[in-house]
Every structure is written in structure tokens, then in C-alpha cells.
């Protein structure tokens, strides 16, 4: 049932990364493939992505891996604390 409704809540459009401060923009690492050419940022979780991972996230994947990692991070930490 959940697969049938994934198109109703689309992944938010990623924003272009802006330069930081007065110097040259710092190179960000892509959260998806670890490339150093991350040009886009998820507005929800703040993770950076390259153009090809952006296309993959908004195309077939339909979920931001940074948002998924943030939402399951507390659960994983809780399981680790319990020893499970």
C-alpha cells in the first residue's frame, strides 16, 4: 500500500549550494556517492548531493537518503544502547 502512495509526497526539490562567507565556496562531499562535487543540498536534512545523485533521488528512489538516515539514526542508536 505504501508503494502506491509514494508519488503523493514527492521528495522536496534540492537547493543549489551557495558560497560560504567571503572566500571560495568549500567543496562538499556528496552524501550518496562520496564524490567531492556536491552542488545541491536537501532543505530538510541539509545533506549535500551531486547532480547525478540528485537525479537518482528524485527519480527512481523518491526518498532522500539523508532524511532517511536522520529519521532512523535515533532508532539505530537506541538499538545499539540496548545491545540488539
C-alpha atoms as a PDB file:
ATOM      1  CA  UNK A   1       0.000   0.000   0.000  1.00  0.00           C
ATOM      2  CA  UNK A   2       2.810   2.406   0.836  1.00  0.00           C
ATOM      3  CA  UNK A   3       4.351   1.950  -2.613  1.00  0.00           C
ATOM      4  CA  UNK A   4       1.122   3.098  -4.225  1.00  0.00           C
ATOM      5  CA  UNK A   5       1.243   6.457  -2.436  1.00  0.00           C
ATOM      6  CA  UNK A   6       4.929   7.414  -2.804  1.00  0.00           C
ATOM      7  CA  UNK A   7       4.054   9.824  -5.612  1.00  0.00           C
ATOM      8  CA  UNK A   8       1.705  11.788  -3.333  1.00  0.00           C
ATOM      9  CA  UNK A   9       4.551  13.030  -1.125  1.00  0.00           C
ATOM     10  CA  UNK A  10       7.357  13.909  -3.540  1.00  0.00           C
ATOM     11  CA  UNK A  11      10.908  14.492  -2.338  1.00  0.00           C
ATOM     12  CA  UNK A  12      11.450  18.243  -1.845  1.00  0.00           C
ATOM     13  CA  UNK A  13      13.485  19.946  -4.564  1.00  0.00           C
ATOM     14  CA  UNK A  14      17.149  20.286  -3.633  1.00  0.00           C
ATOM     15  CA  UNK A  15      18.608  23.768  -3.436  1.00  0.00           C
ATOM     16  CA  UNK A  16      21.828  24.889  -5.080  1.00  0.00           C
ATOM     17  CA  UNK A  17      24.655  25.306  -2.602  1.00  0.00           C
ATOM     18  CA  UNK A  18      25.735  28.882  -2.022  1.00  0.00           C
ATOM     19  CA  UNK A  19      29.268  30.001  -1.269  1.00  0.00           C
ATOM     20  CA  UNK A  20      30.229  30.275   2.377  1.00  0.00           C
ATOM     21  CA  UNK A  21      31.429  33.637   3.600  1.00  0.00           C
ATOM     22  CA  UNK A  22      33.726  35.871   1.561  1.00  0.00           C
ATOM     23  CA  UNK A  23      36.108  33.216   0.203  1.00  0.00           C
ATOM     24  CA  UNK A  24      35.718  30.498  -2.352  1.00  0.00           C
ATOM     25  CA  UNK A  25      32.940  28.004  -1.642  1.00  0.00           C
ATOM     26  CA  UNK A  26      34.065  24.952   0.304  1.00  0.00           C
ATOM     27  CA  UNK A  27      33.839  21.692  -1.653  1.00  0.00           C
ATOM     28  CA  UNK A  28      31.164  19.469  -0.163  1.00  0.00           C
ATOM     29  CA  UNK A  29      31.172  15.695  -0.334  1.00  0.00           C
ATOM     30  CA  UNK A  30      28.107  14.010  -1.814  1.00  0.00           C
ATOM     31  CA  UNK A  31      26.157  12.089   0.827  1.00  0.00           C
ATOM     32  CA  UNK A  32      25.137   9.497  -1.784  1.00  0.00           C
ATOM     33  CA  UNK A  33      28.340   8.605  -3.655  1.00  0.00           C
ATOM     34  CA  UNK A  34      31.056  10.453  -1.685  1.00  0.00           C
ATOM     35  CA  UNK A  35      32.124  12.498  -4.749  1.00  0.00           C
ATOM     36  CA  UNK A  36      33.598  15.900  -3.967  1.00  0.00           C
ATOM     37  CA  UNK A  37      31.408  17.755  -6.463  1.00  0.00           C
ATOM     38  CA  UNK A  38      28.219  18.095  -4.421  1.00  0.00           C
ATOM     39  CA  UNK A  39      26.288  21.073  -5.760  1.00  0.00           C
ATOM     40  CA  UNK A  40      22.816  20.512  -4.294  1.00  0.00           C
ATOM     41  CA  UNK A  41      21.516  20.451  -0.732  1.00  0.00           C
ATOM     42  CA  UNK A  42      18.375  18.872   0.724  1.00  0.00           C
ATOM     43  CA  UNK A  43      16.347  21.562   2.506  1.00  0.00           C
ATOM     44  CA  UNK A  44      15.007  19.075   5.057  1.00  0.00           C
ATOM     45  CA  UNK A  45      18.180  17.332   6.315  1.00  0.00           C
ATOM     46  CA  UNK A  46      20.916  19.635   4.986  1.00  0.00           C
ATOM     47  CA  UNK A  47      22.935  16.861   3.303  1.00  0.00           C
ATOM     48  CA  UNK A  48      24.744  17.684   0.044  1.00  0.00           C
ATOM     49  CA  UNK A  49      24.371  15.702  -3.190  1.00  0.00           C
ATOM     50  CA  UNK A  50      25.947  15.736  -6.647  1.00  0.00           C
ATOM     51  CA  UNK A  51      23.816  16.284  -9.744  1.00  0.00           C
ATOM     52  CA  UNK A  52      23.609  12.589 -10.677  1.00  0.00           C
ATOM     53  CA  UNK A  53      22.602  11.529  -7.149  1.00  0.00           C
ATOM     54  CA  UNK A  54      20.044  14.359  -7.138  1.00  0.00           C
ATOM     55  CA  UNK A  55      18.524  12.888 -10.297  1.00  0.00           C
ATOM     56  CA  UNK A  56      18.532   9.401  -8.759  1.00  0.00           C
ATOM     57  CA  UNK A  57      16.917  10.605  -5.520  1.00  0.00           C
ATOM     58  CA  UNK A  58      14.147  12.469  -7.330  1.00  0.00           C
ATOM     59  CA  UNK A  59      13.707   9.769  -9.986  1.00  0.00           C
ATOM     60  CA  UNK A  60      13.583   6.088  -9.109  1.00  0.00           C
ATOM     61  CA  UNK A  61      14.496   6.337  -5.402  1.00  0.00           C
ATOM     62  CA  UNK A  62      11.906   9.005  -4.421  1.00  0.00           C
ATOM     63  CA  UNK A  63      13.344   9.383  -0.917  1.00  0.00           C
ATOM     64  CA  UNK A  64      16.269  11.428   0.358  1.00  0.00           C
ATOM     65  CA  UNK A  65      18.853   9.098   1.931  1.00  0.00           C
ATOM     66  CA  UNK A  66      19.936  11.898   4.270  1.00  0.00           C
ATOM     67  CA  UNK A  67      16.400  12.287   5.596  1.00  0.00           C
ATOM     68  CA  UNK A  68      16.041   8.521   5.966  1.00  0.00           C
ATOM     69  CA  UNK A  69      19.351   8.294   7.842  1.00  0.00           C
ATOM     70  CA  UNK A  70      18.321  11.149  10.136  1.00  0.00           C
ATOM     71  CA  UNK A  71      14.957   9.590  10.888  1.00  0.00           C
ATOM     72  CA  UNK A  72      16.405   6.137  11.600  1.00  0.00           C
ATOM     73  CA  UNK A  73      19.534   7.389  13.367  1.00  0.00           C
ATOM     74  CA  UNK A  74      17.887   7.666  16.777  1.00  0.00           C
ATOM     75  CA  UNK A  75      16.379   4.200  16.355  1.00  0.00           C
ATOM     76  CA  UNK A  76      19.769   2.701  15.453  1.00  0.00           C
ATOM     77  CA  UNK A  77      21.392   4.424  18.437  1.00  0.00           C
ATOM     78  CA  UNK A  78      18.673   3.085  20.717  1.00  0.00           C
ATOM     79  CA  UNK A  79      19.189  -0.456  19.405  1.00  0.00           C
ATOM     80  CA  UNK A  80      22.919  -0.147  19.961  1.00  0.00           C
ATOM     81  CA  UNK A  81      22.380   1.018  23.531  1.00  0.00           C
ATOM     82  CA  UNK A  82      20.129  -1.969  24.183  1.00  0.00           C
ATOM     83  CA  UNK A  83      22.626  -4.393  22.675  1.00  0.00           C
ATOM     84  CA  UNK A  84      20.280  -5.526  19.913  1.00  0.00           C
END
